[in-house]
């Protein structure tokens, strides 16, 4: 499937899935790369991540099955899967790094995504789940770098650094984005009066 066709199929799947879960009164949020794209990030090119209330994960799977999708309960204990045609939907109820509590759902923003009113996971929560999913077997920073560069002015970098401090892979990523001048370096944030700090602010706040 060509990229544009794959993207259009992903969008169609998102619309059907969001409408289905909303009609079933399942509490959910758009997550992953799609949540970043909804805020101006790069186009997603893989599956659709939806964060669902752990107490309603079975109801979510049943609703998608009722909509004609092929569903699966994989051996992993943190998600269910469904397919709409060739598009994979991950129904995630126990993501890495974030417990899906009432507070996390309350932080979600309702955004218009392709003219569909959709709850979208808070940006720092999205990034925390993506960073904590990194390990020695899945250590690809490319998608995260694209998201960070596109949304850098929307990210609360100090908060993200605090929340991601438990993962060495996340800390390595944060060092990388500082060295690439995508995120402001902590030392320069503490010394706003220096010429070097002003130069960094211009890089971060200016257009590319």
N, C-alpha and C. Protein backbone atom coordinates (compact mmCIF):
# COMPACT_ATOMS: atom_id res chain seq x y z
N UNK A 1 0.84 -1.20 0.00
CA UNK A 1 0.00 0.00 0.00
C UNK A 1 0.87 1.24 0.00
N UNK A 2 0.63 2.16 -0.93
CA UNK A 2 1.39 3.40 -0.99
C UNK A 2 1.13 4.24 0.25
N UNK A 3 2.10 5.17 0.54
CA UNK A 3 2.01 5.94 1.78
C UNK A 3 0.70 6.72 1.86
N UNK A 4 0.32 7.42 0.78
CA UNK A 4 -0.91 8.23 0.84
C UNK A 4 -2.13 7.35 1.03
N UNK A 5 -2.17 6.21 0.36
CA UNK A 5 -3.29 5.29 0.54
C UNK A 5 -3.31 4.75 1.97
N UNK A 6 -2.12 4.43 2.50
CA UNK A 6 -2.04 3.91 3.87
C UNK A 6 -2.50 4.96 4.87
N UNK A 7 -2.11 6.22 4.64
CA UNK A 7 -2.52 7.29 5.55
C UNK A 7 -4.04 7.49 5.50
N UNK A 8 -4.59 7.49 4.30
CA UNK A 8 -6.04 7.65 4.17
C UNK A 8 -6.79 6.50 4.84
N UNK A 9 -6.26 5.29 4.73
CA UNK A 9 -6.88 4.14 5.39
C UNK A 9 -6.80 4.29 6.90
N UNK A 10 -5.68 4.84 7.39
CA UNK A 10 -5.53 5.07 8.83
C UNK A 10 -6.55 6.09 9.34
N UNK A 11 -6.74 7.16 8.57
CA UNK A 11 -7.71 8.18 8.95
C UNK A 11 -9.13 7.61 8.95
N UNK A 12 -9.47 6.86 7.93
CA UNK A 12 -10.80 6.24 7.88
C UNK A 12 -11.01 5.33 9.08
N UNK A 13 -9.99 4.56 9.41
CA UNK A 13 -10.09 3.67 10.57
C UNK A 13 -10.26 4.45 11.86
N UNK A 14 -9.51 5.55 11.99
CA UNK A 14 -9.64 6.38 13.18
C UNK A 14 -11.07 6.90 13.33
N UNK A 15 -11.65 7.39 12.25
CA UNK A 15 -13.00 7.94 12.32
C UNK A 15 -14.01 6.87 12.75
N UNK A 16 -13.91 5.70 12.16
CA UNK A 16 -14.85 4.62 12.50
C UNK A 16 -14.65 4.17 13.94
N UNK A 17 -13.39 4.03 14.35
CA UNK A 17 -13.10 3.54 15.69
C UNK A 17 -13.54 4.54 16.76
N UNK A 18 -13.23 5.82 16.54
CA UNK A 18 -13.63 6.85 17.49
C UNK A 18 -15.15 6.89 17.63
N UNK A 19 -15.85 6.88 16.51
CA UNK A 19 -17.32 6.90 16.56
C UNK A 19 -17.88 5.68 17.25
N UNK A 20 -17.28 4.52 17.00
CA UNK A 20 -17.76 3.27 17.61
C UNK A 20 -17.58 3.29 19.12
N UNK A 21 -16.40 3.69 19.59
CA UNK A 21 -16.15 3.72 21.03
C UNK A 21 -16.98 4.80 21.72
N UNK A 22 -17.18 5.90 21.04
CA UNK A 22 -18.01 6.97 21.62
C UNK A 22 -19.45 6.49 21.76
N UNK A 23 -19.97 5.82 20.74
CA UNK A 23 -21.35 5.31 20.81
C UNK A 23 -21.50 4.23 21.88
N UNK A 24 -20.40 3.52 22.18
CA UNK A 24 -20.44 2.46 23.20
C UNK A 24 -20.16 3.00 24.60
N UNK A 25 -19.99 4.33 24.73
CA UNK A 25 -19.71 4.97 26.02
C UNK A 25 -18.43 4.44 26.67
N UNK A 26 -17.45 4.14 25.85
CA UNK A 26 -16.14 3.72 26.35
C UNK A 26 -15.25 4.95 26.50
N UNK A 27 -14.59 5.07 27.64
CA UNK A 27 -13.68 6.19 27.86
C UNK A 27 -12.35 5.89 27.18
N UNK A 28 -11.92 6.78 26.30
CA UNK A 28 -10.71 6.54 25.52
C UNK A 28 -10.06 7.87 25.16
N UNK A 29 -8.82 7.78 24.66
CA UNK A 29 -8.08 8.94 24.16
C UNK A 29 -7.26 8.48 22.97
N UNK A 30 -7.08 9.36 22.02
CA UNK A 30 -6.15 9.13 20.94
C UNK A 30 -4.74 9.24 21.51
N UNK A 31 -3.88 8.27 21.20
CA UNK A 31 -2.52 8.28 21.72
C UNK A 31 -1.49 8.10 20.62
N UNK A 32 -0.23 7.93 21.02
CA UNK A 32 0.83 7.63 20.08
C UNK A 32 1.06 8.70 19.04
N UNK A 33 1.54 8.27 17.86
CA UNK A 33 1.89 9.20 16.78
C UNK A 33 0.68 9.98 16.28
N UNK A 34 -0.51 9.37 16.34
CA UNK A 34 -1.71 10.06 15.87
C UNK A 34 -2.04 11.24 16.79
N UNK A 35 -1.82 11.10 18.08
CA UNK A 35 -2.06 12.20 19.01
C UNK A 35 -1.09 13.35 18.75
N UNK A 36 0.15 13.01 18.39
CA UNK A 36 1.12 14.05 18.04
C UNK A 36 0.72 14.74 16.73
N UNK A 37 0.29 13.95 15.75
CA UNK A 37 -0.14 14.52 14.46
C UNK A 37 -1.32 15.46 14.64
N UNK A 38 -2.24 15.13 15.55
CA UNK A 38 -3.41 15.98 15.79
C UNK A 38 -3.01 17.36 16.28
N UNK A 39 -1.79 17.49 16.81
CA UNK A 39 -1.30 18.78 17.30
C UNK A 39 -0.31 19.43 16.34
N UNK A 40 -0.17 18.88 15.14
CA UNK A 40 0.74 19.46 14.16
C UNK A 40 2.01 18.68 13.94
N UNK A 41 2.09 17.47 14.49
CA UNK A 41 3.26 16.64 14.30
C UNK A 41 3.28 15.95 12.95
N UNK A 42 4.30 15.12 12.69
CA UNK A 42 4.41 14.44 11.40
C UNK A 42 3.29 13.42 11.20
N UNK A 43 2.99 13.15 9.94
CA UNK A 43 1.96 12.16 9.63
C UNK A 43 2.35 10.79 10.17
N UNK A 44 1.44 10.12 10.85
CA UNK A 44 1.72 8.74 11.28
C UNK A 44 1.73 7.82 10.07
N UNK A 45 2.50 6.75 10.16
CA UNK A 45 2.57 5.84 9.03
C UNK A 45 2.45 4.38 9.45
N UNK A 46 1.92 4.17 10.66
CA UNK A 46 1.80 2.77 11.09
C UNK A 46 0.41 2.51 11.63
N UNK A 47 0.31 1.98 12.84
CA UNK A 47 -0.99 1.61 13.37
C UNK A 47 -1.62 2.76 14.17
N UNK A 48 -2.81 2.49 14.67
CA UNK A 48 -3.58 3.47 15.42
C UNK A 48 -3.57 3.09 16.88
N UNK A 49 -3.08 3.99 17.74
CA UNK A 49 -3.04 3.74 19.18
C UNK A 49 -4.19 4.47 19.86
N UNK A 50 -4.99 3.73 20.59
CA UNK A 50 -6.05 4.31 21.41
C UNK A 50 -5.86 3.87 22.85
N UNK A 51 -5.81 4.83 23.75
CA UNK A 51 -5.72 4.53 25.17
C UNK A 51 -7.14 4.38 25.72
N UNK A 52 -7.43 3.26 26.34
CA UNK A 52 -8.78 3.00 26.85
C UNK A 52 -8.73 2.76 28.34
N UNK A 53 -9.80 3.12 28.99
CA UNK A 53 -9.95 2.88 30.43
C UNK A 53 -9.75 1.38 30.69
N UNK A 54 -8.84 1.02 31.60
CA UNK A 54 -8.60 -0.41 31.87
C UNK A 54 -9.87 -1.18 32.23
N UNK A 55 -10.80 -0.52 32.91
CA UNK A 55 -12.05 -1.20 33.29
C UNK A 55 -13.00 -1.37 32.11
N UNK A 56 -12.70 -0.72 30.99
CA UNK A 56 -13.59 -0.79 29.83
C UNK A 56 -12.90 -1.40 28.60
N UNK A 57 -11.74 -2.00 28.80
CA UNK A 57 -11.00 -2.55 27.67
C UNK A 57 -11.79 -3.66 26.98
N UNK A 58 -12.42 -4.53 27.76
CA UNK A 58 -13.22 -5.61 27.17
C UNK A 58 -14.41 -5.03 26.40
N UNK A 59 -15.03 -4.00 26.96
CA UNK A 59 -16.16 -3.37 26.28
C UNK A 59 -15.71 -2.72 24.97
N UNK A 60 -14.51 -2.15 24.97
CA UNK A 60 -13.98 -1.54 23.75
C UNK A 60 -13.76 -2.60 22.68
N UNK A 61 -13.18 -3.72 23.06
CA UNK A 61 -12.93 -4.79 22.10
C UNK A 61 -14.24 -5.34 21.55
N UNK A 62 -15.21 -5.50 22.43
CA UNK A 62 -16.53 -6.00 22.00
C UNK A 62 -17.19 -5.03 21.03
N UNK A 63 -17.06 -3.74 21.29
CA UNK A 63 -17.67 -2.74 20.41
C UNK A 63 -17.05 -2.78 19.02
N UNK A 64 -15.72 -2.92 18.95
CA UNK A 64 -15.07 -2.97 17.64
C UNK A 64 -15.41 -4.27 16.91
N UNK A 65 -15.53 -5.35 17.65
CA UNK A 65 -15.96 -6.60 17.02
C UNK A 65 -17.37 -6.45 16.47
N UNK A 66 -18.22 -5.76 17.21
CA UNK A 66 -19.58 -5.52 16.75
C UNK A 66 -19.65 -4.64 15.52
N UNK A 67 -18.59 -3.84 15.31
CA UNK A 67 -18.53 -2.99 14.12
C UNK A 67 -17.93 -3.72 12.92
N UNK A 68 -17.70 -5.01 13.08
CA UNK A 68 -17.20 -5.82 11.98
C UNK A 68 -15.70 -5.97 11.90
N UNK A 69 -14.98 -5.52 12.92
CA UNK A 69 -13.53 -5.63 12.91
C UNK A 69 -13.08 -6.98 13.45
N UNK A 70 -11.93 -7.41 12.98
CA UNK A 70 -11.32 -8.65 13.50
C UNK A 70 -10.55 -8.29 14.76
N UNK A 71 -10.79 -9.00 15.85
CA UNK A 71 -10.19 -8.63 17.13
C UNK A 71 -9.33 -9.78 17.66
N UNK A 72 -8.43 -9.42 18.57
CA UNK A 72 -7.49 -10.40 19.12
C UNK A 72 -7.11 -10.01 20.54
N UNK A 73 -6.96 -11.01 21.37
CA UNK A 73 -6.40 -10.83 22.72
C UNK A 73 -4.99 -11.44 22.71
N UNK A 74 -3.97 -10.64 22.47
CA UNK A 74 -2.61 -11.17 22.38
C UNK A 74 -2.09 -11.58 23.76
N UNK A 75 -0.97 -12.31 23.81
CA UNK A 75 -0.42 -12.74 25.11
C UNK A 75 0.04 -11.57 25.98
N UNK A 76 0.42 -10.45 25.35
CA UNK A 76 0.80 -9.28 26.16
C UNK A 76 -0.39 -8.85 27.01
N UNK A 77 -0.13 -8.43 28.22
CA UNK A 77 -1.20 -8.12 29.16
C UNK A 77 -1.48 -6.63 29.26
N UNK A 78 -1.09 -5.86 28.25
CA UNK A 78 -1.28 -4.41 28.33
C UNK A 78 -2.09 -3.85 27.17
N UNK A 79 -2.52 -4.71 26.23
CA UNK A 79 -3.30 -4.21 25.11
C UNK A 79 -4.13 -5.30 24.47
N UNK A 80 -5.16 -4.88 23.73
CA UNK A 80 -5.89 -5.72 22.79
C UNK A 80 -5.63 -5.19 21.39
N UNK A 81 -5.95 -6.01 20.38
CA UNK A 81 -5.74 -5.60 19.00
C UNK A 81 -7.01 -5.79 18.18
N UNK A 82 -7.15 -4.94 17.18
CA UNK A 82 -8.26 -5.08 16.23
C UNK A 82 -7.77 -4.65 14.86
N UNK A 83 -8.39 -5.20 13.81
CA UNK A 83 -8.02 -4.83 12.45
C UNK A 83 -9.24 -4.33 11.71
N UNK A 84 -9.06 -3.18 11.05
CA UNK A 84 -10.06 -2.68 10.13
C UNK A 84 -9.41 -2.73 8.74
N UNK A 85 -9.73 -3.76 7.97
CA UNK A 85 -9.00 -3.98 6.73
C UNK A 85 -7.56 -4.32 7.06
N UNK A 86 -6.63 -3.54 6.49
CA UNK A 86 -5.21 -3.76 6.75
C UNK A 86 -4.66 -2.89 7.88
N UNK A 87 -5.50 -2.09 8.48
CA UNK A 87 -5.04 -1.17 9.53
C UNK A 87 -5.18 -1.82 10.89
N UNK A 88 -4.08 -1.81 11.64
CA UNK A 88 -4.06 -2.36 12.99
C UNK A 88 -4.42 -1.29 14.00
N UNK A 89 -5.30 -1.63 14.93
CA UNK A 89 -5.68 -0.75 16.03
C UNK A 89 -5.18 -1.38 17.32
N UNK A 90 -4.38 -0.64 18.08
CA UNK A 90 -3.93 -1.08 19.40
C UNK A 90 -4.81 -0.42 20.45
N UNK A 91 -5.55 -1.24 21.18
CA UNK A 91 -6.34 -0.77 22.31
C UNK A 91 -5.48 -0.95 23.56
N UNK A 92 -4.86 0.13 23.99
CA UNK A 92 -3.87 0.06 25.07
C UNK A 92 -4.52 0.47 26.38
N UNK A 93 -4.45 -0.41 27.35
CA UNK A 93 -5.03 -0.09 28.66
C UNK A 93 -3.99 -0.08 29.77
N UNK A 94 -2.74 -0.41 29.45
CA UNK A 94 -1.67 -0.33 30.45
C UNK A 94 -0.38 0.10 29.74
N UNK A 95 -0.29 1.36 29.30
CA UNK A 95 0.88 1.82 28.55
C UNK A 95 2.11 1.93 29.43
N UNK A 96 3.28 1.93 28.79
CA UNK A 96 4.53 2.11 29.52
C UNK A 96 4.61 3.51 30.10
N UNK A 97 5.00 3.60 31.36
CA UNK A 97 5.30 4.88 31.98
C UNK A 97 4.14 5.69 32.50
N UNK A 98 2.90 5.33 32.15
CA UNK A 98 1.74 6.12 32.56
C UNK A 98 0.61 5.17 32.98
N UNK A 99 0.09 5.37 34.17
CA UNK A 99 -1.10 4.64 34.60
C UNK A 99 -2.33 5.44 34.16
N UNK A 100 -3.26 4.77 33.52
CA UNK A 100 -4.44 5.46 32.97
C UNK A 100 -5.47 5.70 34.07
N UNK A 101 -5.20 6.73 34.86
CA UNK A 101 -6.06 7.11 35.97
C UNK A 101 -7.06 8.18 35.50
N UNK A 102 -7.98 8.52 36.41
CA UNK A 102 -8.93 9.61 36.12
C UNK A 102 -8.19 10.90 35.80
N UNK A 103 -7.08 11.15 36.50
CA UNK A 103 -6.31 12.38 36.28
C UNK A 103 -5.73 12.42 34.87
N UNK A 104 -5.25 11.30 34.38
CA UNK A 104 -4.68 11.26 33.03
C UNK A 104 -5.77 11.50 31.99
N UNK A 105 -6.93 10.88 32.17
CA UNK A 105 -8.03 11.13 31.24
C UNK A 105 -8.50 12.58 31.31
N UNK A 106 -8.45 13.17 32.51
CA UNK A 106 -8.88 14.57 32.65
C UNK A 106 -7.92 15.52 31.94
N UNK A 107 -6.66 15.13 31.79
CA UNK A 107 -5.68 15.98 31.10
C UNK A 107 -5.86 15.95 29.58
N UNK A 108 -6.59 14.99 29.07
CA UNK A 108 -6.79 14.90 27.63
C UNK A 108 -7.52 16.15 27.12
N UNK A 109 -7.20 16.54 25.89
CA UNK A 109 -7.86 17.66 25.24
C UNK A 109 -8.81 17.14 24.17
N UNK A 110 -9.96 17.76 24.06
CA UNK A 110 -10.88 17.42 22.98
C UNK A 110 -10.55 18.31 21.79
N UNK A 111 -10.06 17.69 20.72
CA UNK A 111 -9.63 18.41 19.53
C UNK A 111 -10.46 17.96 18.33
N UNK A 112 -10.52 18.83 17.35
CA UNK A 112 -11.16 18.46 16.08
C UNK A 112 -10.11 17.78 15.22
N UNK A 113 -10.27 16.49 15.03
CA UNK A 113 -9.32 15.70 14.25
C UNK A 113 -10.04 15.23 12.99
N UNK A 114 -9.68 15.80 11.86
CA UNK A 114 -10.37 15.51 10.60
C UNK A 114 -11.88 15.70 10.76
N UNK A 115 -12.24 16.85 11.37
CA UNK A 115 -13.63 17.26 11.59
C UNK A 115 -14.37 16.37 12.57
N UNK A 116 -13.65 15.56 13.33
CA UNK A 116 -14.27 14.68 14.32
C UNK A 116 -13.80 15.09 15.71
N UNK A 117 -14.72 15.45 16.58
CA UNK A 117 -14.37 15.84 17.95
C UNK A 117 -13.85 14.62 18.70
N UNK A 118 -12.57 14.69 19.11
CA UNK A 118 -11.89 13.50 19.62
C UNK A 118 -11.07 13.84 20.86
N UNK A 119 -11.17 13.04 21.93
CA UNK A 119 -10.27 13.23 23.07
C UNK A 119 -8.86 12.79 22.70
N UNK A 120 -7.89 13.66 22.95
CA UNK A 120 -6.50 13.40 22.57
C UNK A 120 -5.64 13.47 23.83
N UNK A 121 -4.84 12.46 24.05
CA UNK A 121 -3.98 12.37 25.23
C UNK A 121 -3.08 13.59 25.34
N UNK A 122 -2.85 14.08 26.55
CA UNK A 122 -1.96 15.22 26.77
C UNK A 122 -0.59 14.93 26.17
N UNK A 123 0.04 15.95 25.60
CA UNK A 123 1.26 15.75 24.84
C UNK A 123 2.38 15.13 25.68
N UNK A 124 2.61 15.64 26.90
CA UNK A 124 3.67 15.05 27.72
C UNK A 124 3.36 13.60 28.08
N UNK A 125 2.08 13.28 28.29
CA UNK A 125 1.72 11.88 28.55
C UNK A 125 2.02 11.01 27.34
N UNK A 126 1.74 11.51 26.15
CA UNK A 126 2.06 10.77 24.92
C UNK A 126 3.56 10.49 24.85
N UNK A 127 4.36 11.52 25.06
CA UNK A 127 5.80 11.36 24.95
C UNK A 127 6.36 10.44 26.02
N UNK A 128 5.82 10.50 27.22
CA UNK A 128 6.27 9.60 28.28
C UNK A 128 6.02 8.15 27.89
N UNK A 129 4.83 7.85 27.37
CA UNK A 129 4.55 6.47 26.96
C UNK A 129 5.49 6.02 25.85
N UNK A 130 5.80 6.90 24.92
CA UNK A 130 6.69 6.53 23.82
C UNK A 130 8.13 6.35 24.30
N UNK A 131 8.55 7.20 25.22
CA UNK A 131 9.92 7.11 25.73
C UNK A 131 10.11 5.85 26.58
N UNK A 132 9.13 5.53 27.42
CA UNK A 132 9.26 4.36 28.27
C UNK A 132 9.08 3.06 27.50
N UNK A 133 8.56 3.14 26.28
CA UNK A 133 8.45 1.94 25.44
C UNK A 133 9.79 1.56 24.82
N UNK A 134 10.77 2.46 24.86
CA UNK A 134 12.09 2.17 24.30
C UNK A 134 12.84 1.17 25.17
N UNK A 135 13.49 0.22 24.52
CA UNK A 135 14.40 -0.69 25.22
C UNK A 135 15.45 -1.15 24.25
N UNK A 136 16.33 -2.05 24.68
CA UNK A 136 17.43 -2.47 23.81
C UNK A 136 16.96 -3.22 22.57
N UNK A 137 15.73 -3.73 22.60
CA UNK A 137 15.19 -4.44 21.45
C UNK A 137 14.40 -3.53 20.51
N UNK A 138 14.00 -2.38 20.99
CA UNK A 138 13.23 -1.42 20.18
C UNK A 138 13.76 -0.02 20.49
N UNK A 139 14.88 0.31 19.87
CA UNK A 139 15.57 1.56 20.18
C UNK A 139 15.71 2.40 18.92
N UNK A 140 14.57 2.93 18.48
CA UNK A 140 14.54 3.75 17.27
C UNK A 140 14.01 5.13 17.66
N UNK A 141 14.90 6.14 17.59
CA UNK A 141 14.55 7.49 17.99
C UNK A 141 13.98 8.32 16.84
N UNK A 142 13.92 7.78 15.63
CA UNK A 142 13.60 8.60 14.46
C UNK A 142 12.22 9.24 14.56
N UNK A 143 11.19 8.47 14.90
CA UNK A 143 9.84 9.03 15.00
C UNK A 143 9.76 10.05 16.13
N UNK A 144 10.38 9.76 17.26
CA UNK A 144 10.37 10.70 18.39
C UNK A 144 11.08 12.00 18.03
N UNK A 145 12.16 11.92 17.27
CA UNK A 145 12.87 13.13 16.86
C UNK A 145 12.00 14.00 15.95
N UNK A 146 11.29 13.37 15.03
CA UNK A 146 10.40 14.13 14.15
C UNK A 146 9.30 14.83 14.96
N UNK A 147 8.74 14.11 15.92
CA UNK A 147 7.68 14.69 16.76
C UNK A 147 8.24 15.83 17.60
N UNK A 148 9.40 15.61 18.21
CA UNK A 148 10.00 16.63 19.08
C UNK A 148 10.32 17.89 18.29
N UNK A 149 10.84 17.75 17.08
CA UNK A 149 11.18 18.92 16.28
C UNK A 149 9.92 19.69 15.87
N UNK A 150 8.87 18.96 15.50
CA UNK A 150 7.65 19.62 15.04
C UNK A 150 6.90 20.30 16.18
N UNK A 151 6.94 19.71 17.37
CA UNK A 151 6.10 20.20 18.48
C UNK A 151 6.92 20.79 19.63
N UNK A 152 8.17 21.13 19.38
CA UNK A 152 9.06 21.51 20.47
C UNK A 152 8.55 22.68 21.30
N UNK A 153 7.85 23.63 20.67
CA UNK A 153 7.36 24.78 21.43
C UNK A 153 6.14 24.45 22.27
N UNK A 154 5.52 23.30 22.04
CA UNK A 154 4.35 22.87 22.82
C UNK A 154 4.74 21.98 24.00
N UNK A 155 5.99 21.52 24.03
CA UNK A 155 6.42 20.54 25.02
C UNK A 155 6.94 21.24 26.27
N UNK A 156 6.50 20.79 27.43
CA UNK A 156 7.06 21.25 28.70
C UNK A 156 8.29 20.39 28.96
N UNK A 157 9.44 20.85 28.48
CA UNK A 157 10.65 20.04 28.54
C UNK A 157 11.11 19.72 29.96
N UNK A 158 11.11 20.67 30.91
CA UNK A 158 11.51 20.31 32.28
C UNK A 158 10.60 19.24 32.88
N UNK A 159 9.27 19.35 32.66
CA UNK A 159 8.35 18.35 33.18
C UNK A 159 8.60 16.99 32.54
N UNK A 160 8.84 16.99 31.22
CA UNK A 160 9.11 15.74 30.54
C UNK A 160 10.39 15.09 31.06
N UNK A 161 11.42 15.90 31.29
CA UNK A 161 12.68 15.37 31.82
C UNK A 161 12.49 14.74 33.19
N UNK A 162 11.69 15.38 34.04
CA UNK A 162 11.44 14.81 35.37
C UNK A 162 10.70 13.49 35.26
N UNK A 163 9.69 13.45 34.42
CA UNK A 163 8.86 12.26 34.33
C UNK A 163 9.57 11.10 33.63
N UNK A 164 10.53 11.41 32.78
CA UNK A 164 11.22 10.36 32.03
C UNK A 164 12.54 9.94 32.68
N UNK A 165 12.81 10.43 33.89
CA UNK A 165 14.11 10.20 34.51
C UNK A 165 14.36 8.74 34.89
N UNK A 166 13.32 7.92 34.89
CA UNK A 166 13.50 6.51 35.28
C UNK A 166 13.98 5.61 34.16
N UNK A 167 14.12 6.14 32.95
CA UNK A 167 14.53 5.32 31.81
C UNK A 167 15.85 5.83 31.24
N UNK A 168 16.88 5.00 31.18
CA UNK A 168 18.15 5.46 30.58
C UNK A 168 17.99 5.78 29.10
N UNK A 169 17.09 5.10 28.41
CA UNK A 169 16.87 5.37 26.99
C UNK A 169 16.17 6.72 26.80
N UNK A 170 15.27 7.05 27.72
CA UNK A 170 14.62 8.35 27.67
C UNK A 170 15.62 9.46 27.98
N UNK A 171 16.48 9.26 28.95
CA UNK A 171 17.48 10.27 29.29
C UNK A 171 18.45 10.48 28.12
N UNK A 172 18.79 9.40 27.44
CA UNK A 172 19.66 9.54 26.25
C UNK A 172 18.96 10.36 25.17
N UNK A 173 17.67 10.13 24.99
CA UNK A 173 16.92 10.90 24.00
C UNK A 173 16.89 12.37 24.36
N UNK A 174 16.67 12.68 25.63
CA UNK A 174 16.62 14.08 26.05
C UNK A 174 17.97 14.76 25.87
N UNK A 175 19.05 14.05 26.11
CA UNK A 175 20.37 14.60 25.82
C UNK A 175 20.53 14.86 24.34
N UNK A 176 20.05 13.94 23.52
CA UNK A 176 20.15 14.08 22.06
C UNK A 176 19.40 15.32 21.58
N UNK A 177 18.17 15.53 22.05
CA UNK A 177 17.41 16.69 21.56
C UNK A 177 18.01 18.00 22.06
N UNK A 178 18.69 17.96 23.22
CA UNK A 178 19.39 19.16 23.66
C UNK A 178 20.60 19.45 22.77
N UNK A 179 21.37 18.41 22.44
CA UNK A 179 22.55 18.60 21.59
C UNK A 179 22.15 19.05 20.19
N UNK A 180 20.99 18.62 19.72
CA UNK A 180 20.51 19.01 18.41
C UNK A 180 19.79 20.37 18.44
N UNK A 181 19.73 20.99 19.63
CA UNK A 181 19.08 22.28 19.82
C UNK A 181 17.60 22.24 19.49
N UNK A 182 16.99 21.09 19.68
CA UNK A 182 15.54 20.97 19.59
C UNK A 182 14.92 21.38 20.92
N UNK A 183 15.53 20.93 22.01
CA UNK A 183 15.11 21.31 23.36
C UNK A 183 16.19 22.18 23.98
N UNK A 184 15.81 23.10 24.87
CA UNK A 184 16.81 23.92 25.54
C UNK A 184 17.61 23.10 26.55
N UNK A 185 18.91 23.31 26.61
CA UNK A 185 19.75 22.60 27.57
C UNK A 185 19.48 23.12 28.97
N UNK A 186 19.46 22.26 29.98
CA UNK A 186 19.15 22.69 31.36
C UNK A 186 20.08 23.79 31.85
N UNK A 187 21.38 23.70 31.58
CA UNK A 187 22.31 24.71 32.09
C UNK A 187 21.98 26.09 31.52
N UNK A 188 21.61 26.14 30.26
CA UNK A 188 21.28 27.42 29.64
C UNK A 188 19.95 27.95 30.14
N UNK A 189 19.04 27.06 30.50
CA UNK A 189 17.77 27.52 31.07
C UNK A 189 17.99 28.19 32.41
N UNK A 190 19.04 27.75 33.13
CA UNK A 190 19.29 28.32 34.45
C UNK A 190 20.05 29.63 34.36
N UNK A 191 20.61 29.97 33.18
CA UNK A 191 21.41 31.17 33.04
C UNK A 191 20.87 32.04 31.90
N UNK A 192 19.65 32.60 32.09
CA UNK A 192 19.03 33.34 30.99
C UNK A 192 19.75 34.62 30.63
N UNK A 193 20.67 35.13 31.46
CA UNK A 193 21.33 36.38 31.16
C UNK A 193 22.54 36.25 30.27
N UNK A 194 22.99 35.03 29.98
CA UNK A 194 24.19 34.86 29.19
C UNK A 194 23.89 35.01 27.71
N UNK A 195 24.90 35.42 26.95
CA UNK A 195 24.73 35.55 25.49
C UNK A 195 24.42 34.21 24.87
N UNK A 196 25.06 33.14 25.39
CA UNK A 196 24.83 31.82 24.85
C UNK A 196 23.39 31.40 25.05
N UNK A 197 22.82 31.75 26.22
CA UNK A 197 21.43 31.41 26.48
C UNK A 197 20.51 32.12 25.52
N UNK A 198 20.78 33.40 25.24
CA UNK A 198 19.93 34.14 24.30
C UNK A 198 20.01 33.54 22.91
N UNK A 199 21.18 33.08 22.53
CA UNK A 199 21.32 32.45 21.22
C UNK A 199 20.48 31.19 21.15
N UNK A 200 20.48 30.40 22.21
CA UNK A 200 19.71 29.17 22.21
C UNK A 200 18.21 29.46 22.16
N UNK A 201 17.76 30.49 22.87
CA UNK A 201 16.35 30.84 22.83
C UNK A 201 15.92 31.21 21.42
N UNK A 202 16.77 31.95 20.70
CA UNK A 202 16.43 32.32 19.33
C UNK A 202 16.30 31.10 18.43
N UNK A 203 17.16 30.11 18.64
CA UNK A 203 17.10 28.89 17.83
C UNK A 203 15.81 28.14 18.12
N UNK A 204 15.49 27.98 19.43
CA UNK A 204 14.31 27.20 19.79
C UNK A 204 13.04 27.90 19.40
N UNK A 205 12.97 29.22 19.56
CA UNK A 205 11.72 29.93 19.29
C UNK A 205 11.55 30.38 17.86
N UNK A 206 12.61 30.34 17.07
CA UNK A 206 12.51 30.85 15.70
C UNK A 206 12.01 29.82 14.74
N UNK A 207 11.79 30.25 13.52
CA UNK A 207 11.34 29.34 12.48
C UNK A 207 12.54 28.67 11.83
N UNK A 208 12.28 27.49 11.23
CA UNK A 208 13.37 26.75 10.60
C UNK A 208 13.52 27.22 9.16
